[in-house]
């Protein structure tokens, strides 16, 4: 089993801040991904989405959240239509991102 560690900073803050409290007021807003690492069962750590991944997570005061993370160097499709794009490009595009939303 792998363990993931995601580090994010709050957008609009001049320097990175770390939030330890569980109060919803301390996490509401949009956060930018700084690093993402994966540790395997042997304790070996490696970048989870490349050295410089891109990602954001937004938490709302109503208890909703959404996150998107893309792998470093993710390439756009060769056409502006995700259905018409070649299957290999679509597979690569979907394999190099993670998105989630919920409560």
PDB file of N, CA and C in Angstrom:
ATOM      1  N   UNK A   1       0.839  -1.177   0.000  1.00  0.00           N
ATOM      2  CA  UNK A   1       0.000   0.000   0.000  1.00  0.00           C
ATOM      3  C   UNK A   1       0.887   1.244   0.000  1.00  0.00           C
ATOM      4  N   UNK A   2       0.529   2.214  -0.822  1.00  0.00           N
ATOM      5  CA  UNK A   2       1.269   3.460  -0.907  1.00  0.00           C
ATOM      6  C   UNK A   2       0.664   4.514  -0.001  1.00  0.00           C
ATOM      7  N   UNK A   3       1.508   5.428   0.462  1.00  0.00           N
ATOM      8  CA  UNK A   3       1.064   6.562   1.264  1.00  0.00           C
ATOM      9  C   UNK A   3       1.390   7.820   0.474  1.00  0.00           C
ATOM     10  N   UNK A   4       0.430   8.721   0.333  1.00  0.00           N
ATOM     11  CA  UNK A   4       0.629   9.955  -0.417  1.00  0.00           C
ATOM     12  C   UNK A   4       0.711  11.127   0.550  1.00  0.00           C
ATOM     13  N   UNK A   5       1.602  12.061   0.267  1.00  0.00           N
ATOM     14  CA  UNK A   5       1.684  13.302   1.027  1.00  0.00           C
ATOM     15  C   UNK A   5       1.555  14.440   0.026  1.00  0.00           C
ATOM     16  N   UNK A   6       0.559  15.273   0.229  1.00  0.00           N
ATOM     17  CA  UNK A   6       0.297  16.411  -0.652  1.00  0.00           C
ATOM     18  C   UNK A   6       0.540  17.678   0.160  1.00  0.00           C
ATOM     19  N   UNK A   7       1.380  18.587  -0.360  1.00  0.00           N
ATOM     20  CA  UNK A   7       1.652  19.851   0.302  1.00  0.00           C
ATOM     21  C   UNK A   7       1.080  20.974  -0.550  1.00  0.00           C
ATOM     22  N   UNK A   8       0.271  21.842   0.072  1.00  0.00           N
ATOM     23  CA  UNK A   8      -0.350  22.943  -0.662  1.00  0.00           C
ATOM     24  C   UNK A   8      -0.184  24.230   0.131  1.00  0.00           C
ATOM     25  N   UNK A   9      -0.217  25.369  -0.563  1.00  0.00           N
ATOM     26  CA  UNK A   9      -0.191  26.671   0.088  1.00  0.00           C
ATOM     27  C   UNK A   9      -1.441  27.436  -0.311  1.00  0.00           C
ATOM     28  N   UNK A  10      -1.906  28.307   0.579  1.00  0.00           N
ATOM     29  CA  UNK A  10      -3.105  29.098   0.328  1.00  0.00           C
ATOM     30  C   UNK A  10      -2.783  30.184  -0.677  1.00  0.00           C
ATOM     31  N   UNK A  11      -3.599  30.342  -1.710  1.00  0.00           N
ATOM     32  CA  UNK A  11      -3.385  31.371  -2.726  1.00  0.00           C
ATOM     33  C   UNK A  11      -3.682  32.733  -2.121  1.00  0.00           C
ATOM     34  N   UNK A  12      -2.819  33.679  -2.401  1.00  0.00           N
ATOM     35  CA  UNK A  12      -3.000  35.036  -1.903  1.00  0.00           C
ATOM     36  C   UNK A  12      -2.191  35.310  -0.648  1.00  0.00           C
ATOM     37  N   UNK A  13      -1.556  34.310  -0.083  1.00  0.00           N
ATOM     38  CA  UNK A  13      -0.714  34.507   1.089  1.00  0.00           C
ATOM     39  C   UNK A  13       0.715  34.669   0.605  1.00  0.00           C
ATOM     40  N   UNK A  14       1.416  35.683   1.116  1.00  0.00           N
ATOM     41  CA  UNK A  14       2.765  35.984   0.646  1.00  0.00           C
ATOM     42  C   UNK A  14       3.747  34.850   0.890  1.00  0.00           C
ATOM     43  N   UNK A  15       3.598  34.140   1.999  1.00  0.00           N
ATOM     44  CA  UNK A  15       4.504  33.031   2.285  1.00  0.00           C
ATOM     45  C   UNK A  15       3.682  31.796   2.625  1.00  0.00           C
ATOM     46  N   UNK A  16       4.258  30.616   2.416  1.00  0.00           N
ATOM     47  CA  UNK A  16       3.504  29.387   2.713  1.00  0.00           C
ATOM     48  C   UNK A  16       3.071  29.325   4.176  1.00  0.00           C
ATOM     49  N   UNK A  17       1.882  28.787   4.406  1.00  0.00           N
ATOM     50  CA  UNK A  17       1.401  28.575   5.762  1.00  0.00           C
ATOM     51  C   UNK A  17       0.988  27.118   5.901  1.00  0.00           C
ATOM     52  N   UNK A  18       1.079  26.617   7.090  1.00  0.00           N
ATOM     53  CA  UNK A  18       0.656  25.254   7.369  1.00  0.00           C
ATOM     54  C   UNK A  18      -0.533  25.313   8.294  1.00  0.00           C
ATOM     55  N   UNK A  19      -1.566  24.518   7.999  1.00  0.00           N
ATOM     56  CA  UNK A  19      -2.773  24.507   8.806  1.00  0.00           C
ATOM     57  C   UNK A  19      -2.852  23.188   9.560  1.00  0.00           C
ATOM     58  N   UNK A  20      -2.889  23.270  10.897  1.00  0.00           N
ATOM     59  CA  UNK A  20      -2.997  22.078  11.718  1.00  0.00           C
ATOM     60  C   UNK A  20      -4.381  21.933  12.328  1.00  0.00           C
ATOM     61  N   UNK A  21      -5.075  23.049  12.489  1.00  0.00           N
ATOM     62  CA  UNK A  21      -6.388  23.018  13.123  1.00  0.00           C
ATOM     63  C   UNK A  21      -7.401  22.346  12.210  1.00  0.00           C
ATOM     64  N   UNK A  22      -8.434  21.780  12.787  1.00  0.00           N
ATOM     65  CA  UNK A  22      -9.467  21.125  12.013  1.00  0.00           C
ATOM     66  C   UNK A  22     -10.680  22.029  11.795  1.00  0.00           C
ATOM     67  N   UNK A  23     -10.599  23.280  12.196  1.00  0.00           N
ATOM     68  CA  UNK A  23     -11.699  24.213  12.000  1.00  0.00           C
ATOM     69  C   UNK A  23     -11.876  24.497  10.513  1.00  0.00           C
ATOM     70  N   UNK A  24     -13.127  24.457  10.028  1.00  0.00           N
ATOM     71  CA  UNK A  24     -13.360  24.708   8.611  1.00  0.00           C
ATOM     72  C   UNK A  24     -12.946  26.118   8.214  1.00  0.00           C
ATOM     73  N   UNK A  25     -12.971  27.060   9.143  1.00  0.00           N
ATOM     74  CA  UNK A  25     -12.604  28.431   8.824  1.00  0.00           C
ATOM     75  C   UNK A  25     -11.129  28.560   8.456  1.00  0.00           C
ATOM     76  N   UNK A  26     -10.296  27.646   8.915  1.00  0.00           N
ATOM     77  CA  UNK A  26      -8.866  27.746   8.629  1.00  0.00           C
ATOM     78  C   UNK A  26      -8.495  27.159   7.271  1.00  0.00           C
ATOM     79  N   UNK A  27      -9.387  26.421   6.635  1.00  0.00           N
ATOM     80  CA  UNK A  27      -9.061  25.820   5.344  1.00  0.00           C
ATOM     81  C   UNK A  27      -9.928  26.317   4.191  1.00  0.00           C
ATOM     82  N   UNK A  28     -10.960  27.102   4.454  1.00  0.00           N
ATOM     83  CA  UNK A  28     -11.832  27.610   3.392  1.00  0.00           C
ATOM     84  C   UNK A  28     -11.012  28.486   2.448  1.00  0.00           C
ATOM     85  N   UNK A  29     -11.164  28.222   1.160  1.00  0.00           N
ATOM     86  CA  UNK A  29     -10.449  28.986   0.142  1.00  0.00           C
ATOM     87  C   UNK A  29      -9.824  28.054  -0.873  1.00  0.00           C
ATOM     88  N   UNK A  30      -8.974  28.615  -1.716  1.00  0.00           N
ATOM     89  CA  UNK A  30      -8.293  27.830  -2.743  1.00  0.00           C
ATOM     90  C   UNK A  30      -6.826  27.708  -2.394  1.00  0.00           C
ATOM     91  N   UNK A  31      -6.326  26.486  -2.489  1.00  0.00           N
ATOM     92  CA  UNK A  31      -4.943  26.157  -2.149  1.00  0.00           C
ATOM     93  C   UNK A  31      -4.232  25.659  -3.394  1.00  0.00           C
ATOM     94  N   UNK A  32      -2.951  26.010  -3.540  1.00  0.00           N
ATOM     95  CA  UNK A  32      -2.149  25.605  -4.694  1.00  0.00           C
ATOM     96  C   UNK A  32      -1.204  24.484  -4.286  1.00  0.00           C
ATOM     97  N   UNK A  33      -1.093  23.478  -5.133  1.00  0.00           N
ATOM     98  CA  UNK A  33      -0.202  22.351  -4.879  1.00  0.00           C
ATOM     99  C   UNK A  33       1.256  22.801  -4.908  1.00  0.00           C
ATOM    100  N   UNK A  34       2.020  22.363  -3.915  1.00  0.00           N
ATOM    101  CA  UNK A  34       3.456  22.632  -3.865  1.00  0.00           C
ATOM    102  C   UNK A  34       4.220  21.359  -4.211  1.00  0.00           C
ATOM    103  N   UNK A  35       3.921  20.274  -3.521  1.00  0.00           N
ATOM    104  CA  UNK A  35       4.570  18.992  -3.782  1.00  0.00           C
ATOM    105  C   UNK A  35       3.572  17.862  -3.578  1.00  0.00           C
ATOM    106  N   UNK A  36       3.891  16.731  -4.174  1.00  0.00           N
ATOM    107  CA  UNK A  36       3.101  15.515  -3.964  1.00  0.00           C
ATOM    108  C   UNK A  36       4.072  14.347  -4.008  1.00  0.00           C
ATOM    109  N   UNK A  37       4.143  13.595  -2.925  1.00  0.00           N
ATOM    110  CA  UNK A  37       5.050  12.451  -2.884  1.00  0.00           C
ATOM    111  C   UNK A  37       4.279  11.178  -2.569  1.00  0.00           C
ATOM    112  N   UNK A  38       4.845  10.069  -2.988  1.00  0.00           N
ATOM    113  CA  UNK A  38       4.250   8.759  -2.755  1.00  0.00           C
ATOM    114  C   UNK A  38       5.303   7.887  -2.088  1.00  0.00           C
ATOM    115  N   UNK A  39       4.929   7.240  -0.984  1.00  0.00           N
ATOM    116  CA  UNK A  39       5.829   6.339  -0.278  1.00  0.00           C
ATOM    117  C   UNK A  39       5.284   4.928  -0.407  1.00  0.00           C
ATOM    118  N   UNK A  40       6.120   4.018  -0.910  1.00  0.00           N
ATOM    119  CA  UNK A  40       5.652   2.646  -1.099  1.00  0.00           C
ATOM    120  C   UNK A  40       5.794   1.843   0.197  1.00  0.00           C
ATOM    121  N   UNK A  41       5.412   0.580   0.163  1.00  0.00           N
ATOM    122  CA  UNK A  41       5.415  -0.266   1.362  1.00  0.00           C
ATOM    123  C   UNK A  41       6.820  -0.516   1.904  1.00  0.00           C
ATOM    124  N   UNK A  42       7.847  -0.277   1.099  1.00  0.00           N
ATOM    125  CA  UNK A  42       9.238  -0.443   1.542  1.00  0.00           C
ATOM    126  C   UNK A  42       9.795   0.843   2.154  1.00  0.00           C
ATOM    127  N   UNK A  43       8.998   1.902   2.144  1.00  0.00           N
ATOM    128  CA  UNK A  43       9.428   3.173   2.703  1.00  0.00           C
ATOM    129  C   UNK A  43      10.152   4.065   1.714  1.00  0.00           C
ATOM    130  N   UNK A  44      10.193   3.665   0.449  1.00  0.00           N
ATOM    131  CA  UNK A  44      10.849   4.476  -0.571  1.00  0.00           C
ATOM    132  C   UNK A  44       9.892   5.553  -1.058  1.00  0.00           C
ATOM    133  N   UNK A  45      10.396   6.800  -1.140  1.00  0.00           N
ATOM    134  CA  UNK A  45       9.574   7.948  -1.518  1.00  0.00           C
ATOM    135  C   UNK A  45       9.978   8.432  -2.902  1.00  0.00           C
ATOM    136  N   UNK A  46       8.967   8.794  -3.702  1.00  0.00           N
ATOM    137  CA  UNK A  46       9.218   9.354  -5.031  1.00  0.00           C
ATOM    138  C   UNK A  46       8.146  10.393  -5.333  1.00  0.00           C
ATOM    139  N   UNK A  47       8.415  11.301  -6.293  1.00  0.00           N
ATOM    140  CA  UNK A  47       7.378  12.267  -6.671  1.00  0.00           C
ATOM    141  C   UNK A  47       6.159  11.546  -7.230  1.00  0.00           C
ATOM    142  N   UNK A  48       4.982  11.943  -6.787  1.00  0.00           N
ATOM    143  CA  UNK A  48       3.751  11.272  -7.217  1.00  0.00           C
ATOM    144  C   UNK A  48       3.290  11.736  -8.595  1.00  0.00           C
ATOM    145  N   UNK A  49       3.535  12.978  -8.951  1.00  0.00           N
ATOM    146  CA  UNK A  49       3.074  13.529 -10.229  1.00  0.00           C
ATOM    147  C   UNK A  49       4.200  14.270 -10.943  1.00  0.00           C
ATOM    148  N   UNK A  50       5.432  13.834 -10.762  1.00  0.00           N
ATOM    149  CA  UNK A  50       6.585  14.532 -11.317  1.00  0.00           C
ATOM    150  C   UNK A  50       7.124  15.531 -10.304  1.00  0.00           C
ATOM    151  N   UNK A  51       8.251  16.145 -10.650  1.00  0.00           N
ATOM    152  CA  UNK A  51       8.919  17.068  -9.723  1.00  0.00           C
ATOM    153  C   UNK A  51       8.126  18.359  -9.535  1.00  0.00           C
ATOM    154  N   UNK A  52       7.480  18.839 -10.597  1.00  0.00           N
ATOM    155  CA  UNK A  52       6.718  20.094 -10.528  1.00  0.00           C
ATOM    156  C   UNK A  52       5.285  19.882 -11.033  1.00  0.00           C
ATOM    157  N   UNK A  53       4.457  19.193 -10.249  1.00  0.00           N
ATOM    158  CA  UNK A  53       3.063  19.008 -10.666  1.00  0.00           C
ATOM    159  C   UNK A  53       2.275  20.307 -10.512  1.00  0.00           C
ATOM    160  N   UNK A  54       1.112  20.348 -11.129  1.00  0.00           N
ATOM    161  CA  UNK A  54       0.216  21.495 -11.002  1.00  0.00           C
ATOM    162  C   UNK A  54      -1.069  21.007 -10.342  1.00  0.00           C
ATOM    163  N   UNK A  55      -1.584  21.784  -9.384  1.00  0.00           N
ATOM    164  CA  UNK A  55      -2.823  21.369  -8.760  1.00  0.00           C
ATOM    165  C   UNK A  55      -3.420  22.434  -7.868  1.00  0.00           C
ATOM    166  N   UNK A  56      -4.721  22.309  -7.669  1.00  0.00           N
ATOM    167  CA  UNK A  56      -5.454  23.217  -6.797  1.00  0.00           C
ATOM    168  C   UNK A  56      -6.518  22.429  -6.047  1.00  0.00           C
ATOM    169  N   UNK A  57      -6.810  22.863  -4.838  1.00  0.00           N
ATOM    170  CA  UNK A  57      -7.947  22.335  -4.094  1.00  0.00           C
ATOM    171  C   UNK A  57      -8.702  23.539  -3.537  1.00  0.00           C
ATOM    172  N   UNK A  58     -10.020  23.480  -3.619  1.00  0.00           N
ATOM    173  CA  UNK A  58     -10.869  24.547  -3.090  1.00  0.00           C
ATOM    174  C   UNK A  58     -11.803  23.942  -2.050  1.00  0.00           C
ATOM    175  N   UNK A  59     -11.856  24.572  -0.880  1.00  0.00           N
ATOM    176  CA  UNK A  59     -12.786  24.201   0.185  1.00  0.00           C
ATOM    177  C   UNK A  59     -13.760  25.354   0.376  1.00  0.00           C
ATOM    178  N   UNK A  60     -15.059  25.057   0.442  1.00  0.00           N
ATOM    179  CA  UNK A  60     -16.058  26.104   0.647  1.00  0.00           C
ATOM    180  C   UNK A  60     -16.567  26.081   2.085  1.00  0.00           C
ATOM    181  N   UNK A  61     -17.146  27.187   2.504  1.00  0.00           N
ATOM    182  CA  UNK A  61     -17.718  27.280   3.849  1.00  0.00           C
ATOM    183  C   UNK A  61     -18.915  26.349   4.015  1.00  0.00           C
ATOM    184  N   UNK A  62     -19.523  25.928   2.905  1.00  0.00           N
ATOM    185  CA  UNK A  62     -20.668  25.025   2.947  1.00  0.00           C
ATOM    186  C   UNK A  62     -20.265  23.553   3.060  1.00  0.00           C
ATOM    187  N   UNK A  63     -18.966  23.280   3.144  1.00  0.00           N
ATOM    188  CA  UNK A  63     -18.500  21.912   3.316  1.00  0.00           C
ATOM    189  C   UNK A  63     -18.250  21.152   2.028  1.00  0.00           C
ATOM    190  N   UNK A  64     -18.109  21.842   0.929  1.00  0.00           N
ATOM    191  CA  UNK A  64     -17.811  21.191  -0.345  1.00  0.00           C
ATOM    192  C   UNK A  64     -16.341  21.419  -0.694  1.00  0.00           C
ATOM    193  N   UNK A  65     -15.824  20.529  -1.542  1.00  0.00           N
ATOM    194  CA  UNK A  65     -14.445  20.677  -1.981  1.00  0.00           C
ATOM    195  C   UNK A  65     -14.300  20.169  -3.404  1.00  0.00           C
ATOM    196  N   UNK A  66     -13.248  20.638  -4.072  1.00  0.00           N
ATOM    197  CA  UNK A  66     -12.889  20.108  -5.383  1.00  0.00           C
ATOM    198  C   UNK A  66     -11.380  20.196  -5.526  1.00  0.00           C
ATOM    199  N   UNK A  67     -10.816  19.210  -6.209  1.00  0.00           N
ATOM    200  CA  UNK A  67      -9.372  19.158  -6.393  1.00  0.00           C
ATOM    201  C   UNK A  67      -9.060  18.700  -7.805  1.00  0.00           C
ATOM    202  N   UNK A  68      -7.996  19.248  -8.365  1.00  0.00           N
ATOM    203  CA  UNK A  68      -7.469  18.789  -9.644  1.00  0.00           C
ATOM    204  C   UNK A  68      -5.946  18.843  -9.562  1.00  0.00           C
ATOM    205  N   UNK A  69      -5.318  17.750  -9.966  1.00  0.00           N
ATOM    206  CA  UNK A  69      -3.858  17.666  -9.987  1.00  0.00           C
ATOM    207  C   UNK A  69      -3.457  17.102 -11.340  1.00  0.00           C
ATOM    208  N   UNK A  70      -2.480  17.754 -11.991  1.00  0.00           N
ATOM    209  CA  UNK A  70      -1.962  17.255 -13.254  1.00  0.00           C
ATOM    210  C   UNK A  70      -0.468  17.004 -13.132  1.00  0.00           C
ATOM    211  N   UNK A  71      -0.018  15.986 -13.839  1.00  0.00           N
ATOM    212  CA  UNK A  71       1.384  15.607 -13.841  1.00  0.00           C
ATOM    213  C   UNK A  71       2.229  16.673 -14.530  1.00  0.00           C
ATOM    214  N   UNK A  72       3.440  16.826 -14.034  1.00  0.00           N
ATOM    215  CA  UNK A  72       4.395  17.734 -14.659  1.00  0.00           C
ATOM    216  C   UNK A  72       4.551  17.393 -16.148  1.00  0.00           C
ATOM    217  N   UNK A  73       4.497  18.399 -17.003  1.00  0.00           N
ATOM    218  CA  UNK A  73       4.696  18.188 -18.426  1.00  0.00           C
ATOM    219  C   UNK A  73       3.513  17.591 -19.161  1.00  0.00           C
ATOM    220  N   UNK A  74       2.334  17.636 -18.567  1.00  0.00           N
ATOM    221  CA  UNK A  74       1.138  17.069 -19.221  1.00  0.00           C
ATOM    222  C   UNK A  74       0.885  17.792 -20.534  1.00  0.00           C
ATOM    223  N   UNK A  75       0.719  17.030 -21.594  1.00  0.00           N
ATOM    224  CA  UNK A  75       0.547  17.593 -22.933  1.00  0.00           C
ATOM    225  C   UNK A  75      -0.938  17.758 -23.272  1.00  0.00           C
ATOM    226  N   UNK A  76      -1.277  18.840 -23.997  1.00  0.00           N
ATOM    227  CA  UNK A  76      -2.666  19.005 -24.447  1.00  0.00           C
ATOM    228  C   UNK A  76      -2.956  18.051 -25.605  1.00  0.00           C
ATOM    229  N   UNK A  77      -4.218  17.808 -25.849  1.00  0.00           N
ATOM    230  CA  UNK A  77      -4.611  16.992 -26.989  1.00  0.00           C
ATOM    231  C   UNK A  77      -4.265  17.730 -28.284  1.00  0.00           C
ATOM    232  N   UNK A  78      -4.056  16.991 -29.357  1.00  0.00           N
ATOM    233  CA  UNK A  78      -3.685  17.603 -30.638  1.00  0.00           C
ATOM    234  C   UNK A  78      -4.875  18.277 -31.322  1.00  0.00           C
ATOM    235  N   UNK A  79      -6.089  17.941 -30.881  1.00  0.00           N
ATOM    236  CA  UNK A  79      -7.297  18.573 -31.409  1.00  0.00           C
ATOM    237  C   UNK A  79      -8.135  19.075 -30.237  1.00  0.00           C
ATOM    238  N   UNK A  80      -9.033  20.009 -30.511  1.00  0.00           N
ATOM    239  CA  UNK A  80      -9.842  20.606 -29.458  1.00  0.00           C
ATOM    240  C   UNK A  80     -11.150  19.836 -29.256  1.00  0.00           C
ATOM    241  N   UNK A  81     -11.065  18.507 -29.273  1.00  0.00           N
ATOM    242  CA  UNK A  81     -12.241  17.658 -29.126  1.00  0.00           C
ATOM    243  C   UNK A  81     -11.791  16.355 -28.463  1.00  0.00           C
ATOM    244  N   UNK A  82     -12.185  16.159 -27.210  1.00  0.00           N
ATOM    245  CA  UNK A  82     -11.704  14.986 -26.465  1.00  0.00           C
ATOM    246  C   UNK A  82     -12.244  13.672 -27.018  1.00  0.00           C
ATOM    247  N   UNK A  83     -13.283  13.704 -27.825  1.00  0.00           N
ATOM    248  CA  UNK A  83     -13.816  12.488 -28.444  1.00  0.00           C
ATOM    249  C   UNK A  83     -13.067  12.180 -29.747  1.00  0.00           C
ATOM    250  N   UNK A  84     -12.757  13.216 -30.521  1.00  0.00           N
ATOM    251  CA  UNK A  84     -12.093  13.026 -31.806  1.00  0.00           C
ATOM    252  C   UNK A  84     -10.589  12.820 -31.675  1.00  0.00           C
ATOM    253  N   UNK A  85     -10.009  13.132 -30.544  1.00  0.00           N
ATOM    254  CA  UNK A  85      -8.571  12.966 -30.356  1.00  0.00           C
ATOM    255  C   UNK A  85      -8.200  11.486 -30.450  1.00  0.00           C
ATOM    256  N   UNK A  86      -6.990  11.184 -30.918  1.00  0.00           N
ATOM    257  CA  UNK A  86      -6.556   9.785 -30.998  1.00  0.00           C
ATOM    258  C   UNK A  86      -6.625   9.105 -29.627  1.00  0.00           C
ATOM    259  N   UNK A  87      -6.964   7.822 -29.638  1.00  0.00           N
ATOM    260  CA  UNK A  87      -7.131   7.063 -28.388  1.00  0.00           C
ATOM    261  C   UNK A  87      -5.882   7.097 -27.515  1.00  0.00           C
ATOM    262  N   UNK A  88      -4.709   7.043 -28.112  1.00  0.00           N
ATOM    263  CA  UNK A  88      -3.470   7.071 -27.316  1.00  0.00           C
ATOM    264  C   UNK A  88      -3.309   8.401 -26.598  1.00  0.00           C
ATOM    265  N   UNK A  89      -3.672   9.504 -27.251  1.00  0.00           N
ATOM    266  CA  UNK A  89      -3.609  10.823 -26.610  1.00  0.00           C
ATOM    267  C   UNK A  89      -4.612  10.927 -25.472  1.00  0.00           C
ATOM    268  N   UNK A  90      -5.825  10.431 -25.700  1.00  0.00           N
ATOM    269  CA  UNK A  90      -6.848  10.474 -24.651  1.00  0.00           C
ATOM    270  C   UNK A  90      -6.400   9.655 -23.447  1.00  0.00           C
ATOM    271  N   UNK A  91      -5.854   8.483 -23.688  1.00  0.00           N
ATOM    272  CA  UNK A  91      -5.393   7.633 -22.585  1.00  0.00           C
ATOM    273  C   UNK A  91      -4.301   8.338 -21.781  1.00  0.00           C
ATOM    274  N   UNK A  92      -3.368   8.971 -22.472  1.00  0.00           N
ATOM    275  CA  UNK A  92      -2.290   9.694 -21.791  1.00  0.00           C
ATOM    276  C   UNK A  92      -2.849  10.887 -21.012  1.00  0.00           C
ATOM    277  N   UNK A  93      -3.792  11.605 -21.594  1.00  0.00           N
ATOM    278  CA  UNK A  93      -4.380  12.770 -20.921  1.00  0.00           C
ATOM    279  C   UNK A  93      -5.094  12.367 -19.638  1.00  0.00           C
ATOM    280  N   UNK A  94      -5.859  11.296 -19.686  1.00  0.00           N
ATOM    281  CA  UNK A  94      -6.599  10.866 -18.503  1.00  0.00           C
ATOM    282  C   UNK A  94      -5.691  10.200 -17.470  1.00  0.00           C
ATOM    283  N   UNK A  95      -4.580   9.630 -17.903  1.00  0.00           N
ATOM    284  CA  UNK A  95      -3.644   8.983 -16.985  1.00  0.00           C
ATOM    285  C   UNK A  95      -2.750   9.984 -16.267  1.00  0.00           C
ATOM    286  N   UNK A  96      -2.736  11.239 -16.702  1.00  0.00           N
ATOM    287  CA  UNK A  96      -1.837  12.234 -16.114  1.00  0.00           C
ATOM    288  C   UNK A  96      -2.575  13.316 -15.331  1.00  0.00           C
ATOM    289  N   UNK A  97      -3.771  12.990 -14.858  1.00  0.00           N
ATOM    290  CA  UNK A  97      -4.498  13.943 -14.019  1.00  0.00           C
ATOM    291  C   UNK A  97      -5.410  13.220 -13.035  1.00  0.00           C
ATOM    292  N   UNK A  98      -5.719  13.905 -11.967  1.00  0.00           N
ATOM    293  CA  UNK A  98      -6.655  13.421 -10.955  1.00  0.00           C
ATOM    294  C   UNK A  98      -7.606  14.574 -10.659  1.00  0.00           C
ATOM    295  N   UNK A  99      -8.907  14.294 -10.622  1.00  0.00           N
ATOM    296  CA  UNK A  99      -9.894  15.302 -10.267  1.00  0.00           C
ATOM    297  C   UNK A  99     -10.933  14.669  -9.366  1.00  0.00           C
ATOM    298  N   UNK A 100     -11.412  15.443  -8.389  1.00  0.00           N
ATOM    299  CA  UNK A 100     -12.388  14.928  -7.444  1.00  0.00           C
ATOM    300  C   UNK A 100     -13.176  16.107  -6.876  1.00  0.00           C
ATOM    301  N   UNK A 101     -14.419  15.873  -6.596  1.00  0.00           N
ATOM    302  CA  UNK A 101     -15.248  16.874  -5.918  1.00  0.00           C
ATOM    303  C   UNK A 101     -16.202  16.151  -4.989  1.00  0.00           C
ATOM    304  N   UNK A 102     -16.534  16.789  -3.889  1.00  0.00           N
ATOM    305  CA  UNK A 102     -17.459  16.154  -2.950  1.00  0.00           C
ATOM    306  C   UNK A 102     -17.697  17.011  -1.720  1.00  0.00           C
ATOM    307  N   UNK A 103     -18.265  16.363  -0.700  1.00  0.00           N
ATOM    308  CA  UNK A 103     -18.546  17.046   0.565  1.00  0.00           C
ATOM    309  C   UNK A 103     -17.531  16.652   1.598  1.00  0.00           C
TER     310      UNK A 103
END
